[in-house]
């Protein structure tokens, strides 16, 4: 019986530290060869676009899809479908908005745990939306963040971000007037902008003290959020999916520019497993495009915590079984 877990039901169920732990666990499964992660399927339909992802985790016993679509001038909606691998039963339909924001932040937390920084840390954030919030929350869950600077093009939004995140995290967050001002002098920089342009919003020359750059805003091949120099100057470039090289425009530019040889790349699962070590000095760049495996890890935990609660809307005949031809039935697509 498939249960429905909406936005309000999921609010506050998982904290950031638990989300980071969950991603580390599923990445260990990936490193052991127990998972399948698909590339993204993208289509435009004139007034908007649709993206679909799939992942299976044989170690955990789940599979998941995520579909999210945007309508021009309206916004984005996300739906996650969680299945039991043993028999293919649909277990839950989940609103994916909170899960998407949380897992995007948590992925940066995973790499941050592998890039140790002694003493208080100053963070620069470019972007002021929900994912920019979970980036700073995640970094503050790993590091002793003393201060942060935020830039986004709209003054009111960056000022609101600074007020809200200062109150939430108990640190000094300051709104600044440029991306350069947000990045210079910071040990950690996170880009979570909504820019849709081939012109980067962050330049490597501004990363004068940066040890870790988390670039999470762009997931399209035609756009670039950070410039090629960020990858040229990096000692190591970590991606959360092997598909990221084709999916993210800044990575495609770096490969085309000859500054991102395979010897300089690692996946997040290789870092978690210890197969590849993060350099002890210099810049590490983490480029995230997001995967359904990350969604699966958080969705499965939410289902385990909430799925047996009484009063949840449920649909016992949703995704009903049509037996295969070998079992006396037939299939048609």
Protein backbone atom coordinates (compact mmCIF):
# COMPACT_ATOMS: atom_id res chain seq x y z
CA UNK A 1 0.00 0.00 0.00
CA UNK A 2 1.52 3.29 -1.10
CA UNK A 3 1.38 6.11 1.44
CA UNK A 4 1.50 9.81 0.60
CA UNK A 5 4.03 11.94 2.47
CA UNK A 6 3.43 15.61 1.75
CA UNK A 7 5.47 18.70 2.49
CA UNK A 8 4.05 19.29 5.96
CA UNK A 9 4.44 15.65 7.01
CA UNK A 10 8.13 15.76 6.07
CA UNK A 11 8.97 19.08 7.67
CA UNK A 12 11.54 18.63 10.44
CA UNK A 13 11.70 14.83 10.19
CA UNK A 14 15.41 14.75 9.32
CA UNK A 15 18.14 17.03 10.62
CA UNK A 16 21.24 18.02 8.69
CA UNK A 17 23.71 15.83 10.58
CA UNK A 18 21.49 12.78 10.09
CA UNK A 19 21.16 13.63 6.40
CA UNK A 20 24.95 13.77 6.04
CA UNK A 21 25.22 10.40 7.79
CA UNK A 22 22.59 8.91 5.47
CA UNK A 23 24.42 10.08 2.37
CA UNK A 24 27.70 8.69 3.65
CA UNK A 25 25.97 5.34 4.11
CA UNK A 26 24.49 5.20 0.63
CA UNK A 27 27.79 6.37 -0.89
CA UNK A 28 29.50 3.44 0.82
CA UNK A 29 26.97 1.19 -0.91
CA UNK A 30 27.81 2.88 -4.21
CA UNK A 31 31.54 2.36 -3.65
CA UNK A 32 30.85 -1.33 -3.03
CA UNK A 33 29.05 -1.66 -6.38
CA UNK A 34 25.62 -2.21 -4.81
CA UNK A 35 23.82 0.71 -6.47
CA UNK A 36 22.61 1.88 -9.87
CA UNK A 37 22.34 5.58 -10.70
CA UNK A 38 20.91 6.81 -13.98
CA UNK A 39 21.79 9.96 -15.89
CA UNK A 40 19.09 12.62 -15.93
CA UNK A 41 16.38 12.62 -18.56
CA UNK A 42 15.57 16.18 -19.60
CA UNK A 43 12.88 17.52 -21.87
CA UNK A 44 11.54 20.99 -22.61
CA UNK A 45 7.88 21.43 -23.45
CA UNK A 46 7.60 25.06 -24.42
CA UNK A 47 6.17 26.53 -21.23
CA UNK A 48 8.54 24.62 -18.97
CA UNK A 49 10.82 21.62 -18.59
CA UNK A 50 10.84 18.19 -16.96
CA UNK A 51 13.71 16.21 -15.44
CA UNK A 52 13.63 12.61 -14.27
CA UNK A 53 16.13 10.56 -12.24
CA UNK A 54 16.34 6.93 -11.08
CA UNK A 55 18.46 5.03 -8.57
CA UNK A 56 18.48 1.60 -6.93
CA UNK A 57 20.26 0.62 -3.73
CA UNK A 58 20.49 -3.17 -3.47
CA UNK A 59 22.15 -2.97 -0.06
CA UNK A 60 19.23 -1.00 1.39
CA UNK A 61 16.55 -2.77 -0.66
CA UNK A 62 15.00 0.32 -2.24
CA UNK A 63 14.66 1.99 -5.63
CA UNK A 64 13.47 5.52 -6.28
CA UNK A 65 12.55 7.90 -9.03
CA UNK A 66 12.35 11.64 -8.86
CA UNK A 67 10.50 13.80 -11.36
CA UNK A 68 10.55 17.54 -11.17
CA UNK A 69 9.11 20.06 -13.54
CA UNK A 70 9.26 23.81 -13.80
CA UNK A 71 6.63 26.07 -15.33
CA UNK A 72 7.80 29.42 -16.59
CA UNK A 73 6.80 32.19 -14.22
CA UNK A 74 5.38 29.72 -11.68
CA UNK A 75 8.10 27.54 -10.13
CA UNK A 76 9.17 23.95 -9.61
CA UNK A 77 7.41 20.85 -8.21
CA UNK A 78 9.17 17.65 -7.11
CA UNK A 79 7.76 14.14 -6.59
CA UNK A 80 9.75 11.13 -5.34
CA UNK A 81 8.50 7.57 -5.78
CA UNK A 82 9.97 4.97 -3.41
CA UNK A 83 9.84 1.26 -4.29
CA UNK A 84 10.80 -1.96 -2.53
CA UNK A 85 13.33 -3.77 -4.71
CA UNK A 86 12.39 -7.30 -3.64
CA UNK A 87 8.98 -7.23 -5.33
CA UNK A 88 8.76 -3.81 -6.97
CA UNK A 89 5.94 -2.60 -4.72
CA UNK A 90 5.42 1.15 -4.61
CA UNK A 91 5.81 2.11 -0.96
CA UNK A 92 5.42 5.87 -0.94
CA UNK A 93 4.98 9.03 -2.93
CA UNK A 94 6.82 11.92 -1.29
CA UNK A 95 6.91 15.62 -1.91
CA UNK A 96 10.53 16.19 -2.94
CA UNK A 97 11.05 19.85 -2.12
CA UNK A 98 12.52 19.52 1.38
CA UNK A 99 14.39 16.35 0.50
CA UNK A 100 16.01 18.03 -2.50
CA UNK A 101 17.22 21.01 -0.48
CA UNK A 102 18.40 18.83 2.40
CA UNK A 103 20.30 16.30 0.32
CA UNK A 104 21.99 19.04 -1.72
CA UNK A 105 23.29 20.61 1.47
CA UNK A 106 24.17 17.24 2.98
CA UNK A 107 26.29 16.26 -0.04
CA UNK A 108 28.49 19.29 0.63
CA UNK A 109 28.64 18.19 4.26
CA UNK A 110 29.99 14.80 3.18
CA UNK A 111 32.94 16.32 1.33
CA UNK A 112 33.46 18.91 4.08
CA UNK A 113 34.01 16.08 6.56
CA UNK A 114 36.90 14.95 4.36
CA UNK A 115 38.48 18.42 4.12
CA UNK A 116 39.45 19.16 7.74
CA UNK A 117 39.96 22.80 8.71
CA UNK A 118 41.48 23.75 12.05
CA UNK A 119 40.15 26.70 13.97
CA UNK A 120 37.27 29.01 13.14
CA UNK A 121 36.11 29.03 9.51
CA UNK A 122 34.82 31.90 7.37
CA UNK A 123 32.34 30.89 4.68
CA UNK A 124 31.29 32.73 1.54
CA UNK A 125 27.89 31.99 -0.01
CA UNK A 126 26.71 33.07 -3.45
CA UNK A 127 22.93 32.74 -3.65
CA UNK A 128 20.18 33.37 -1.13
CA UNK A 129 17.55 30.72 -1.87
CA UNK A 130 16.65 27.50 -0.08
CA UNK A 131 19.69 25.58 -1.28
CA UNK A 132 22.00 28.43 -0.30
CA UNK A 133 20.49 28.09 3.17
CA UNK A 134 21.13 24.35 3.41
CA UNK A 135 24.68 24.84 2.13
CA UNK A 136 25.53 27.08 5.06
CA UNK A 137 23.60 24.88 7.49
CA UNK A 138 25.53 21.83 6.32
CA UNK A 139 28.93 23.54 6.51
CA UNK A 140 28.09 24.80 10.00
CA UNK A 141 27.23 21.22 11.00
CA UNK A 142 30.78 20.15 10.08
CA UNK A 143 33.01 23.15 10.75
CA UNK A 144 33.28 25.69 13.55
CA UNK A 145 31.93 28.46 11.35
CA UNK A 146 32.65 31.83 12.90
CA UNK A 147 31.24 34.07 10.18
CA UNK A 148 29.73 34.03 6.71
CA UNK A 149 29.23 36.51 3.91
CA UNK A 150 26.41 36.22 1.38
CA UNK A 151 25.86 37.77 -2.01
CA UNK A 152 22.91 37.56 -4.36
CA UNK A 153 21.86 40.15 -6.95
CA UNK A 154 18.78 41.32 -5.03
CA UNK A 155 19.76 43.34 -1.96
CA UNK A 156 16.57 42.59 -0.04
CA UNK A 157 17.01 38.83 -0.50
CA UNK A 158 20.63 38.74 0.61
CA UNK A 159 19.82 40.92 3.62
CA UNK A 160 16.93 38.62 4.57
CA UNK A 161 19.23 35.61 4.20
CA UNK A 162 21.80 37.22 6.49
CA UNK A 163 19.22 37.97 9.18
CA UNK A 164 17.56 34.57 9.06
CA UNK A 165 20.73 32.47 8.93
CA UNK A 166 22.38 34.51 11.69
CA UNK A 167 19.39 33.75 13.91
CA UNK A 168 19.18 30.09 12.90
CA UNK A 169 22.88 29.23 13.28
CA UNK A 170 23.96 31.73 15.92
CA UNK A 171 26.80 33.12 13.81
CA UNK A 172 27.46 36.45 12.14
CA UNK A 173 26.21 36.41 8.56
CA UNK A 174 26.80 39.59 6.57
CA UNK A 175 25.25 40.63 3.26
CA UNK A 176 27.85 41.98 0.83
CA UNK A 177 27.58 43.84 -2.47
CA UNK A 178 29.43 41.49 -4.84
CA UNK A 179 30.29 37.85 -5.42
CA UNK A 180 33.95 38.77 -5.15
CA UNK A 181 33.41 40.25 -1.69
CA UNK A 182 31.64 37.05 -0.61
CA UNK A 183 34.47 34.83 -1.84
CA UNK A 184 37.72 36.64 -1.02
CA UNK A 185 39.37 35.67 2.25
CA UNK A 186 37.03 32.72 2.91
CA UNK A 187 38.27 29.20 3.66
CA UNK A 188 35.06 27.69 2.26
CA UNK A 189 32.89 29.05 -0.55
CA UNK A 190 29.52 27.68 -1.68
CA UNK A 191 27.78 28.71 -4.88
CA UNK A 192 24.05 28.03 -5.00
CA UNK A 193 22.92 30.73 -7.38
CA UNK A 194 19.91 30.67 -9.66
CA UNK A 195 21.93 32.16 -12.53
CA UNK A 196 21.13 30.66 -15.92
CA UNK A 197 23.99 31.94 -18.02
CA UNK A 198 27.20 30.74 -19.62
CA UNK A 199 28.91 33.65 -17.81
CA UNK A 200 30.19 32.39 -14.42
CA UNK A 201 29.17 34.13 -11.21
CA UNK A 202 32.37 33.02 -9.41
CA UNK A 203 35.94 33.44 -10.65
CA UNK A 204 38.89 31.43 -9.46
CA UNK A 205 41.04 34.50 -8.94
CA UNK A 206 38.79 35.42 -5.98
CA UNK A 207 39.51 32.16 -4.13
CA UNK A 208 42.66 33.52 -2.51
CA UNK A 209 42.28 31.54 0.73
CA UNK A 210 39.76 28.92 -0.29
CA UNK A 211 40.34 25.31 0.74
CA UNK A 212 36.91 23.95 -0.32
CA UNK A 213 34.59 25.20 -3.05
CA UNK A 214 31.12 23.62 -3.22
CA UNK A 215 29.42 24.48 -6.52
CA UNK A 216 25.82 23.27 -6.50
CA UNK A 217 23.69 25.79 -8.39
CA UNK A 218 24.08 24.75 -12.03
CA UNK A 219 23.10 21.31 -13.35
CA UNK A 220 22.70 22.15 -17.06
CA UNK A 221 25.27 21.67 -19.84
CA UNK A 222 24.63 25.07 -21.44
CA UNK A 223 25.32 27.08 -18.27
CA UNK A 224 28.31 27.63 -15.98
CA UNK A 225 28.29 28.88 -12.40
CA UNK A 226 32.05 28.89 -11.75
CA UNK A 227 34.86 29.58 -14.22
CA UNK A 228 37.51 27.29 -15.66
CA UNK A 229 40.23 28.69 -13.41
CA UNK A 230 38.50 27.20 -10.36
CA UNK A 231 39.18 23.76 -11.83
CA UNK A 232 42.63 24.66 -13.13
CA UNK A 233 43.74 25.79 -9.67
CA UNK A 234 42.17 22.84 -7.84
CA UNK A 235 44.32 20.01 -6.57
CA UNK A 236 41.29 17.69 -6.77
CA UNK A 237 37.83 17.95 -8.33
CA UNK A 238 35.14 15.79 -6.70
CA UNK A 239 31.79 15.10 -8.37
CA UNK A 240 28.75 13.46 -6.82
CA UNK A 241 28.01 11.52 -10.01
CA UNK A 242 30.14 10.31 -12.93
CA UNK A 243 27.37 11.77 -15.11
CA UNK A 244 28.25 15.26 -13.84
CA UNK A 245 30.98 15.66 -16.45
CA UNK A 246 28.32 15.70 -19.18
CA UNK A 247 25.56 17.36 -17.16
CA UNK A 248 27.30 20.50 -15.88
CA UNK A 249 28.48 23.19 -18.24
CA UNK A 250 31.41 24.31 -16.09
CA UNK A 251 32.80 20.77 -16.05
CA UNK A 252 32.40 20.48 -19.81
CA UNK A 253 34.29 23.75 -20.21
CA UNK A 254 37.05 22.54 -17.90
CA UNK A 255 37.44 19.30 -19.82
CA UNK A 256 37.48 21.17 -23.15
CA UNK A 257 40.08 23.55 -21.73
CA UNK A 258 42.36 20.66 -20.78
CA UNK A 259 42.43 21.52 -17.07
CA UNK A 260 40.45 18.53 -15.78
CA UNK A 261 42.30 15.31 -16.62
CA UNK A 262 40.93 12.07 -15.23
CA UNK A 263 43.83 11.86 -12.77
CA UNK A 264 42.52 15.02 -11.11
CA UNK A 265 38.94 13.74 -10.67
CA UNK A 266 37.20 11.69 -8.02
CA UNK A 267 33.64 10.73 -7.21
CA UNK A 268 32.16 11.39 -3.80
CA UNK A 269 31.82 7.64 -3.23
CA UNK A 270 35.56 7.19 -3.86
CA UNK A 271 36.27 9.85 -1.26
CA UNK A 272 33.90 8.27 1.28
CA UNK A 273 35.37 4.79 0.76
CA UNK A 274 38.95 6.07 1.03
CA UNK A 275 39.85 4.89 -2.47
CA UNK A 276 40.99 8.45 -3.21
CA UNK A 277 42.23 10.83 -0.52
CA UNK A 278 41.63 14.56 -0.40
CA UNK A 279 44.92 16.49 -0.64
CA UNK A 280 46.11 17.92 2.68
CA UNK A 281 46.66 21.36 1.17
CA UNK A 282 45.38 23.42 -1.73
CA UNK A 283 41.93 23.83 -3.23
CA UNK A 284 39.40 21.02 -3.46
CA UNK A 285 36.40 21.67 -5.71
CA UNK A 286 33.16 19.77 -5.20
CA UNK A 287 30.76 19.97 -8.12
CA UNK A 288 27.29 18.62 -7.33
CA UNK A 289 24.54 17.91 -9.84
CA UNK A 290 22.40 15.82 -7.48
CA UNK A 291 21.38 12.19 -7.89
CA UNK A 292 18.33 10.06 -7.23
CA UNK A 293 20.54 7.96 -4.96
CA UNK A 294 20.78 10.93 -2.60
CA UNK A 295 17.00 11.39 -2.80
CA UNK A 296 16.51 7.67 -2.16
CA UNK A 297 18.60 7.67 1.02
CA UNK A 298 16.57 10.46 2.61
CA UNK A 299 13.20 9.34 1.24
CA UNK A 300 13.71 5.80 2.53
CA UNK A 301 14.52 7.07 6.02
CA UNK A 302 11.47 9.34 6.02
CA UNK A 303 9.30 6.40 4.97
CA UNK A 304 10.78 4.21 7.70
CA UNK A 305 10.03 6.88 10.29
CA UNK A 306 6.60 7.93 9.06
CA UNK A 307 5.15 5.19 6.85
CA UNK A 308 3.44 3.24 9.61
CA UNK A 309 1.66 6.25 11.13
CA UNK A 310 -2.09 6.09 11.15
CA UNK A 311 -4.09 8.65 9.26
CA UNK A 312 -1.74 9.04 6.32
CA UNK A 313 -3.42 9.15 2.92
CA UNK A 314 -2.85 5.86 1.12
CA UNK A 315 -3.70 4.25 -2.20
CA UNK A 316 -3.72 0.44 -2.00
CA UNK A 317 -4.21 0.00 -5.74
CA UNK A 318 -1.64 2.57 -6.91
CA UNK A 319 0.94 0.99 -9.24
CA UNK A 320 -1.06 -2.24 -9.28
CA UNK A 321 0.69 -5.36 -10.51
CA UNK A 322 0.34 -6.64 -14.05
CA UNK A 323 1.87 -10.10 -14.11
CA UNK A 324 4.56 -10.88 -16.63
CA UNK A 325 3.87 -13.12 -19.62
CA UNK A 326 5.66 -15.97 -17.89
CA UNK A 327 3.15 -15.75 -15.05
CA UNK A 328 0.15 -15.95 -17.33
CA UNK A 329 -0.16 -12.28 -18.19
CA UNK A 330 1.27 -9.85 -20.69
CA UNK A 331 2.74 -6.38 -20.85
CA UNK A 332 2.20 -3.54 -23.25
CA UNK A 333 3.90 -0.15 -23.34
